[in-house]
Amino acid sequence: MLAWIGWVATAVFAGSYLCKDQTALRRIQAAAAVLWVGYGVLIGAMPVVVANLIVAGVALWSTLPRQGPSDDDRDVVAPAVLERLPQ
């Protein structure tokens, strides 16, 4: 029965590569990593647990929105920078 958790985790992870959306891909990979964490706990394999906790964390972190200039900011900054360039 334990082996099935590993096989499901493998199938979920492999299936994530069929996603066209990067956010969906990473969230599905995070879900697969959580399955691997459960599998690692059940079989007592701490390297599997730790590695997949890291993978799940990074996958979820990479889906968070980034703070940066908005498109509106670029419209204001770009003309100001262009004005300073030599003609």
Protein backbone atom coordinates (compact mmCIF):
# COMPACT_ATOMS: atom_id res chain seq x y z
CA MET A 1 0.00 0.00 0.00
CA LEU A 2 2.84 2.43 0.77
CA ALA A 3 4.27 2.00 -2.68
CA TRP A 4 1.06 3.42 -4.15
CA ILE A 5 1.70 6.78 -2.49
CA GLY A 6 5.07 6.91 -4.23
CA TRP A 7 3.53 5.95 -7.56
CA VAL A 8 0.79 8.56 -7.24
CA ALA A 9 3.40 11.20 -6.33
CA THR A 10 5.39 10.20 -9.41
CA ALA A 11 2.31 10.40 -11.64
CA VAL A 12 1.31 13.82 -10.27
CA PHE A 13 4.84 15.17 -10.72
CA ALA A 14 5.13 13.80 -14.26
CA GLY A 15 1.67 15.10 -15.13
CA SER A 16 2.68 18.60 -14.03
CA TYR A 17 4.81 18.89 -17.16
CA LEU A 18 1.65 18.83 -19.25
CA CYS A 19 0.64 22.21 -17.81
CA LYS A 20 1.10 25.20 -20.07
CA ASP A 21 0.73 27.68 -17.21
CA GLN A 22 3.91 28.02 -15.12
CA THR A 23 2.00 28.78 -11.91
CA ALA A 24 -0.16 25.67 -12.29
CA LEU A 25 2.93 23.57 -13.07
CA ARG A 26 4.68 24.71 -9.89
CA ARG A 27 1.61 24.24 -7.70
CA ILE A 28 1.09 20.73 -9.00
CA GLN A 29 4.79 19.99 -8.43
CA ALA A 30 4.38 21.29 -4.87
CA ALA A 31 1.42 18.93 -4.38
CA ALA A 32 3.50 16.02 -5.66
CA ALA A 33 6.31 16.99 -3.29
CA VAL A 34 3.85 16.96 -0.39
CA LEU A 35 2.83 13.43 -1.40
CA TRP A 36 6.53 12.51 -1.42
CA VAL A 37 6.88 14.01 2.08
CA GLY A 38 4.04 11.77 3.29
CA TYR A 39 5.63 8.78 1.62
CA GLY A 40 9.00 9.60 3.16
CA VAL A 41 7.47 9.91 6.63
CA LEU A 42 5.68 6.58 6.31
CA ILE A 43 8.82 4.72 5.22
CA GLY A 44 11.07 6.61 7.63
CA ALA A 45 13.27 8.19 4.96
CA MET A 46 14.29 11.61 6.26
CA PRO A 47 16.28 12.55 3.12
CA VAL A 48 13.08 12.10 1.08
CA VAL A 49 11.13 14.21 3.60
CA VAL A 50 13.65 17.04 3.78
CA ALA A 51 14.34 17.18 0.04
CA ASN A 52 10.65 17.34 -0.81
CA LEU A 53 9.85 19.89 1.89
CA ILE A 54 12.44 22.10 0.19
CA VAL A 55 11.00 21.38 -3.27
CA ALA A 56 7.43 22.11 -2.12
CA GLY A 57 8.51 25.33 -0.40
CA VAL A 58 10.45 26.63 -3.38
CA ALA A 59 7.70 25.63 -5.82
CA LEU A 60 5.07 27.49 -3.79
CA TRP A 61 7.36 30.48 -3.15
CA SER A 62 7.99 30.81 -6.88
CA THR A 63 4.24 31.22 -7.50
CA LEU A 64 3.93 34.28 -5.24
CA PRO A 65 3.44 37.64 -6.96
CA ARG A 66 6.59 39.73 -7.27
CA GLN A 67 6.94 43.36 -6.27
CA GLY A 68 8.36 45.35 -9.11
CA PRO A 69 7.54 48.19 -11.44
CA SER A 70 4.08 47.96 -12.91
CA ASP A 71 3.36 48.58 -16.57
CA ASP A 72 2.14 52.05 -15.59
CA ASP A 73 5.51 52.81 -13.96
CA ARG A 74 7.37 51.73 -17.07
CA ASP A 75 5.35 54.19 -19.18
CA VAL A 76 6.50 57.04 -16.95
CA VAL A 77 10.12 55.97 -16.48
CA ALA A 78 10.92 55.00 -20.08
CA PRO A 79 10.27 58.46 -21.63
CA ALA A 80 12.30 60.16 -18.87
CA VAL A 81 15.24 57.83 -19.55
CA LEU A 82 14.94 58.26 -23.30
CA GLU A 83 15.09 62.05 -22.94
CA ARG A 84 18.58 61.74 -21.37
CA LEU A 85 20.02 59.65 -24.17
CA PRO A 86 22.20 61.42 -26.74
CA GLN A 87 20.46 61.91 -30.06
